[in-house]
Amino acid sequence: MSIKKRNLLSNCLTESGIPENVPICGQRIGAVASMRYGICRMSFNGCECIAVYNALLRLGRRISLSEAVLCMEKHKLMLGLFGGNPLRIGKALSRLSVPFRKTRAFDLEGGYIISFWTKRPFLSPLHTVFVETDSNGITVYNRYSNCTEIFHYRSVREMLGKRRLISAYYVGKLT
């Protein structure tokens, strides 16, 4: 049995412990932590899958996390060892029929999937989050993998601090 099929079967059983239609924060906490992406657990490398899943939810699309993971597994880097390739998230969004555009500006209200280095580029892990922007600032889901809190900042620049942006996708107005 392929890794994708084995992961899908395992993830479908595991995700019954995840509340439906609620954005995920804290990939190392709860049932989502033991779901699989590639050859690893989501607790280690699931942030891209979670960001896409959260974007779909906030866009009003109902999809299971298992389905989002399966779609992302088709576009990953090194069998999930290092997570998803943030430069190919657009390909997964296209497969999921989500209109998007790559950007480095965060001037439109709506949803963004943002990937950034956690410390030094290429020498540290990267992290991917889903962000909502409006006139009050930004709301960030899964900001830290070990925290279920939703974080609020004045801007994307404030959230990133000195961290370097890798990629960003604007996915449009939210429902």
C-alpha atoms as a PDB file:
ATOM      1  CA  MET A   1       0.000   0.000   0.000  1.00  0.00           C
ATOM      2  CA  SER A   2       1.334   3.463  -0.901  1.00  0.00           C
ATOM      3  CA  ILE A   3       2.215   6.024   1.764  1.00  0.00           C
ATOM      4  CA  LYS A   4      -0.608   8.291   0.519  1.00  0.00           C
ATOM      5  CA  LYS A   5      -3.232   5.543   0.872  1.00  0.00           C
ATOM      6  CA  ARG A   6      -1.912   4.425   4.269  1.00  0.00           C
ATOM      7  CA  ASN A   7      -1.906   8.029   5.502  1.00  0.00           C
ATOM      8  CA  LEU A   8      -5.438   8.633   4.194  1.00  0.00           C
ATOM      9  CA  LEU A   9      -6.802   5.574   6.035  1.00  0.00           C
ATOM     10  CA  SER A  10      -4.984   6.465   9.257  1.00  0.00           C
ATOM     11  CA  ASN A  11      -5.873  10.166   9.043  1.00  0.00           C
ATOM     12  CA  CYS A  12      -9.575   9.480   8.437  1.00  0.00           C
ATOM     13  CA  LEU A  13      -9.682   7.439  11.649  1.00  0.00           C
ATOM     14  CA  THR A  14      -7.702  10.002  13.642  1.00  0.00           C
ATOM     15  CA  GLU A  15      -9.540  13.123  12.516  1.00  0.00           C
ATOM     16  CA  SER A  16     -12.724  12.118  14.301  1.00  0.00           C
ATOM     17  CA  GLY A  17     -11.060  13.730  17.333  1.00  0.00           C
ATOM     18  CA  ILE A  18     -10.787  17.118  15.594  1.00  0.00           C
ATOM     19  CA  PRO A  19     -13.718  19.565  15.859  1.00  0.00           C
ATOM     20  CA  GLU A  20     -15.371  20.105  12.462  1.00  0.00           C
ATOM     21  CA  ASN A  21     -15.355  23.463  10.708  1.00  0.00           C
ATOM     22  CA  VAL A  22     -13.028  25.065  13.265  1.00  0.00           C
ATOM     23  CA  PRO A  23      -9.636  26.455  12.186  1.00  0.00           C
ATOM     24  CA  ILE A  24      -6.704  24.485  13.564  1.00  0.00           C
ATOM     25  CA  CYS A  25      -4.111  26.072  15.812  1.00  0.00           C
ATOM     26  CA  GLY A  26      -1.361  24.054  17.484  1.00  0.00           C
ATOM     27  CA  GLN A  27      -0.241  21.270  15.169  1.00  0.00           C
ATOM     28  CA  ARG A  28       1.578  19.554  18.040  1.00  0.00           C
ATOM     29  CA  ILE A  29      -1.551  19.388  20.207  1.00  0.00           C
ATOM     30  CA  GLY A  30      -4.512  17.005  20.138  1.00  0.00           C
ATOM     31  CA  ALA A  31      -5.560  14.558  17.441  1.00  0.00           C
ATOM     32  CA  VAL A  32      -4.030  16.575  14.584  1.00  0.00           C
ATOM     33  CA  ALA A  33      -0.547  15.932  16.024  1.00  0.00           C
ATOM     34  CA  SER A  34      -0.777  12.206  15.328  1.00  0.00           C
ATOM     35  CA  MET A  35      -2.123  12.534  11.791  1.00  0.00           C
ATOM     36  CA  ARG A  36       0.420  11.772   9.096  1.00  0.00           C
ATOM     37  CA  TYR A  37       1.839  13.768   6.212  1.00  0.00           C
ATOM     38  CA  GLY A  38       4.398  11.950   4.095  1.00  0.00           C
ATOM     39  CA  ILE A  39       6.572   9.828   6.360  1.00  0.00           C
ATOM     40  CA  CYS A  40       6.181  12.025   9.442  1.00  0.00           C
ATOM     41  CA  ARG A  41       3.474  13.096  11.836  1.00  0.00           C
ATOM     42  CA  MET A  42       1.695  16.402  11.286  1.00  0.00           C
ATOM     43  CA  SER A  43       3.135  17.608  14.588  1.00  0.00           C
ATOM     44  CA  PHE A  44       6.488  17.839  12.799  1.00  0.00           C
ATOM     45  CA  ASN A  45       5.671  18.912   9.260  1.00  0.00           C
ATOM     46  CA  GLY A  46       1.963  19.657   8.841  1.00  0.00           C
ATOM     47  CA  CYS A  47       1.876  23.455   8.847  1.00  0.00           C
ATOM     48  CA  GLU A  48       1.345  23.848   5.079  1.00  0.00           C
ATOM     49  CA  CYS A  49      -1.541  21.356   5.134  1.00  0.00           C
ATOM     50  CA  ILE A  50      -3.073  23.133   8.114  1.00  0.00           C
ATOM     51  CA  ALA A  51      -2.698  26.562   6.467  1.00  0.00           C
ATOM     52  CA  VAL A  52      -4.464  25.342   3.309  1.00  0.00           C
ATOM     53  CA  TYR A  53      -7.173  23.651   5.397  1.00  0.00           C
ATOM     54  CA  ASN A  54      -7.722  26.808   7.477  1.00  0.00           C
ATOM     55  CA  ALA A  55      -7.895  28.921   4.307  1.00  0.00           C
ATOM     56  CA  LEU A  56     -10.520  26.624   2.815  1.00  0.00           C
ATOM     57  CA  LEU A  57     -12.619  26.789   5.981  1.00  0.00           C
ATOM     58  CA  ARG A  58     -12.488  30.577   6.148  1.00  0.00           C
ATOM     59  CA  LEU A  59     -13.390  30.762   2.442  1.00  0.00           C
ATOM     60  CA  GLY A  60     -16.539  28.799   3.240  1.00  0.00           C
ATOM     61  CA  ARG A  61     -15.365  25.511   1.723  1.00  0.00           C
ATOM     62  CA  ARG A  62     -16.029  22.323   3.663  1.00  0.00           C
ATOM     63  CA  ILE A  63     -13.257  19.786   3.294  1.00  0.00           C
ATOM     64  CA  SER A  64     -11.817  17.305   5.740  1.00  0.00           C
ATOM     65  CA  LEU A  65      -8.262  17.732   6.947  1.00  0.00           C
ATOM     66  CA  SER A  66      -7.571  14.250   5.522  1.00  0.00           C
ATOM     67  CA  GLU A  67      -8.620  15.454   2.058  1.00  0.00           C
ATOM     68  CA  ALA A  68      -6.436  18.550   2.336  1.00  0.00           C
ATOM     69  CA  VAL A  69      -3.467  16.392   3.405  1.00  0.00           C
ATOM     70  CA  LEU A  70      -4.010  14.004   0.495  1.00  0.00           C
ATOM     71  CA  CYS A  71      -4.027  16.899  -1.971  1.00  0.00           C
ATOM     72  CA  MET A  72      -0.886  18.392  -0.422  1.00  0.00           C
ATOM     73  CA  GLU A  73       0.944  15.044  -0.479  1.00  0.00           C
ATOM     74  CA  LYS A  74       0.893  15.223  -4.261  1.00  0.00           C
ATOM     75  CA  HIS A  75       2.941  18.467  -4.101  1.00  0.00           C
ATOM     76  CA  LYS A  76       5.387  17.953  -1.235  1.00  0.00           C
ATOM     77  CA  LEU A  77       9.128  18.037  -0.804  1.00  0.00           C
ATOM     78  CA  MET A  78      11.118  14.881   0.085  1.00  0.00           C
ATOM     79  CA  LEU A  79       8.234  12.609   1.172  1.00  0.00           C
ATOM     80  CA  GLY A  80       7.113  14.993   3.849  1.00  0.00           C
ATOM     81  CA  LEU A  81      10.435  14.933   5.713  1.00  0.00           C
ATOM     82  CA  PHE A  82      10.716  18.706   5.510  1.00  0.00           C
ATOM     83  CA  GLY A  83       7.025  19.412   5.081  1.00  0.00           C
ATOM     84  CA  GLY A  84       5.408  20.893   2.026  1.00  0.00           C
ATOM     85  CA  ASN A  85       7.212  23.015  -0.487  1.00  0.00           C
ATOM     86  CA  PRO A  86       5.832  26.530   0.137  1.00  0.00           C
ATOM     87  CA  LEU A  87       6.646  27.544  -3.418  1.00  0.00           C
ATOM     88  CA  ARG A  88       4.188  24.914  -4.679  1.00  0.00           C
ATOM     89  CA  ILE A  89       1.223  25.689  -2.433  1.00  0.00           C
ATOM     90  CA  GLY A  90      -0.283  27.460  -5.433  1.00  0.00           C
ATOM     91  CA  LYS A  91      -0.409  24.164  -7.305  1.00  0.00           C
ATOM     92  CA  ALA A  92      -2.437  22.590  -4.490  1.00  0.00           C
ATOM     93  CA  LEU A  93      -4.732  25.641  -4.392  1.00  0.00           C
ATOM     94  CA  SER A  94      -5.294  25.271  -8.141  1.00  0.00           C
ATOM     95  CA  ARG A  95      -6.157  21.585  -7.694  1.00  0.00           C
ATOM     96  CA  LEU A  96      -8.640  22.602  -5.002  1.00  0.00           C
ATOM     97  CA  SER A  97     -10.157  25.260  -7.333  1.00  0.00           C
ATOM     98  CA  VAL A  98      -9.137  28.150  -5.073  1.00  0.00           C
ATOM     99  CA  PRO A  99      -8.372  31.376  -6.955  1.00  0.00           C
ATOM    100  CA  PHE A 100      -5.138  32.911  -5.661  1.00  0.00           C
ATOM    101  CA  ARG A 101      -2.255  35.150  -6.549  1.00  0.00           C
ATOM    102  CA  LYS A 102       1.306  35.174  -5.286  1.00  0.00           C
ATOM    103  CA  THR A 103       2.162  38.400  -3.535  1.00  0.00           C
ATOM    104  CA  ARG A 104       4.612  40.207  -1.299  1.00  0.00           C
ATOM    105  CA  ALA A 105       2.146  42.983  -0.457  1.00  0.00           C
ATOM    106  CA  PHE A 106      -0.534  42.575   2.177  1.00  0.00           C
ATOM    107  CA  ASP A 107      -2.654  45.567   1.316  1.00  0.00           C
ATOM    108  CA  LEU A 108      -5.940  43.765   0.523  1.00  0.00           C
ATOM    109  CA  GLU A 109      -8.396  42.578   3.137  1.00  0.00           C
ATOM    110  CA  GLY A 110      -8.958  38.859   3.054  1.00  0.00           C
ATOM    111  CA  GLY A 111      -6.961  35.663   3.485  1.00  0.00           C
ATOM    112  CA  TYR A 112      -3.284  34.899   2.934  1.00  0.00           C
ATOM    113  CA  ILE A 113      -1.170  31.773   3.242  1.00  0.00           C
ATOM    114  CA  ILE A 114       2.266  32.937   4.362  1.00  0.00           C
ATOM    115  CA  SER A 115       5.511  30.933   4.668  1.00  0.00           C
ATOM    116  CA  PHE A 116       8.603  32.250   6.425  1.00  0.00           C
ATOM    117  CA  TRP A 117      11.898  31.116   7.926  1.00  0.00           C
ATOM    118  CA  THR A 118      11.749  30.732  11.701  1.00  0.00           C
ATOM    119  CA  LYS A 119      15.375  31.864  12.076  1.00  0.00           C
ATOM    120  CA  ARG A 120      18.195  31.906   9.498  1.00  0.00           C
ATOM    121  CA  PRO A 121      17.162  31.211   5.883  1.00  0.00           C
ATOM    122  CA  PHE A 122      17.998  27.666   4.711  1.00  0.00           C
ATOM    123  CA  LEU A 123      19.575  26.833   8.096  1.00  0.00           C
ATOM    124  CA  SER A 124      16.387  26.745  10.155  1.00  0.00           C
ATOM    125  CA  PRO A 125      12.897  25.323   9.783  1.00  0.00           C
ATOM    126  CA  LEU A 126      10.215  27.186   7.922  1.00  0.00           C
ATOM    127  CA  HIS A 127       6.647  27.693   9.072  1.00  0.00           C
ATOM    128  CA  THR A 128       3.432  28.345   7.144  1.00  0.00           C
ATOM    129  CA  VAL A 129       0.334  30.020   8.575  1.00  0.00           C
ATOM    130  CA  PHE A 130      -3.061  31.232   7.450  1.00  0.00           C
ATOM    131  CA  VAL A 131      -3.657  34.940   8.045  1.00  0.00           C
ATOM    132  CA  GLU A 132      -6.818  37.052   7.858  1.00  0.00           C
ATOM    133  CA  THR A 133      -6.424  40.779   7.328  1.00  0.00           C
ATOM    134  CA  ASP A 134      -8.943  43.529   7.943  1.00  0.00           C
ATOM    135  CA  SER A 135      -8.970  47.162   9.035  1.00  0.00           C
ATOM    136  CA  ASN A 136      -8.201  46.124  12.637  1.00  0.00           C
ATOM    137  CA  GLY A 137      -4.987  44.242  11.786  1.00  0.00           C
ATOM    138  CA  ILE A 138      -4.328  40.552  11.222  1.00  0.00           C
ATOM    139  CA  THR A 139      -5.452  37.281  12.773  1.00  0.00           C
ATOM    140  CA  VAL A 140      -3.014  34.358  12.568  1.00  0.00           C
ATOM    141  CA  TYR A 141      -3.940  30.667  12.828  1.00  0.00           C
ATOM    142  CA  ASN A 142      -1.372  28.024  13.880  1.00  0.00           C
ATOM    143  CA  ARG A 143       1.183  30.764  14.600  1.00  0.00           C
ATOM    144  CA  TYR A 144       3.060  28.451  16.962  1.00  0.00           C
ATOM    145  CA  SER A 145       2.871  24.682  16.636  1.00  0.00           C
ATOM    146  CA  ASN A 146       2.578  24.116  20.392  1.00  0.00           C
ATOM    147  CA  CYS A 147      -0.153  26.679  21.131  1.00  0.00           C
ATOM    148  CA  THR A 148      -3.891  26.569  20.420  1.00  0.00           C
ATOM    149  CA  GLU A 149      -4.261  30.338  20.737  1.00  0.00           C
ATOM    150  CA  ILE A 150      -5.222  32.548  17.786  1.00  0.00           C
ATOM    151  CA  PHE A 151      -2.815  35.484  17.557  1.00  0.00           C
ATOM    152  CA  HIS A 152      -3.547  39.084  16.568  1.00  0.00           C
ATOM    153  CA  TYR A 153      -1.039  41.630  15.266  1.00  0.00           C
ATOM    154  CA  ARG A 154      -1.215  45.100  13.759  1.00  0.00           C
ATOM    155  CA  SER A 155       0.416  43.895  10.528  1.00  0.00           C
ATOM    156  CA  VAL A 156       2.168  41.026   8.766  1.00  0.00           C
ATOM    157  CA  ARG A 157       5.422  42.908   9.253  1.00  0.00           C
ATOM    158  CA  GLU A 158       4.874  42.893  13.028  1.00  0.00           C
ATOM    159  CA  MET A 159       4.133  39.131  12.977  1.00  0.00           C
ATOM    160  CA  LEU A 160       7.247  38.369  10.937  1.00  0.00           C
ATOM    161  CA  GLY A 161       9.571  40.600  12.925  1.00  0.00           C
ATOM    162  CA  LYS A 162      13.068  39.802  11.647  1.00  0.00           C
ATOM    163  CA  ARG A 163      11.968  36.532  10.041  1.00  0.00           C
ATOM    164  CA  ARG A 164      12.357  36.334   6.283  1.00  0.00           C
ATOM    165  CA  LEU A 165       9.325  35.812   4.059  1.00  0.00           C
ATOM    166  CA  ILE A 166       9.518  32.827   1.682  1.00  0.00           C
ATOM    167  CA  SER A 167       6.180  33.042  -0.106  1.00  0.00           C
ATOM    168  CA  ALA A 168       2.685  34.417   0.253  1.00  0.00           C
ATOM    169  CA  TYR A 169      -0.575  33.656  -1.532  1.00  0.00           C
ATOM    170  CA  TYR A 170      -3.609  35.913  -1.429  1.00  0.00           C
ATOM    171  CA  VAL A 171      -6.709  33.691  -1.541  1.00  0.00           C
ATOM    172  CA  GLY A 172      -9.341  36.421  -1.553  1.00  0.00           C
ATOM    173  CA  LYS A 173     -12.161  37.814   0.527  1.00  0.00           C
ATOM    174  CA  LEU A 174     -13.410  35.585   3.319  1.00  0.00           C
ATOM    175  CA  THR A 175     -16.985  34.556   4.092  1.00  0.00           C
END
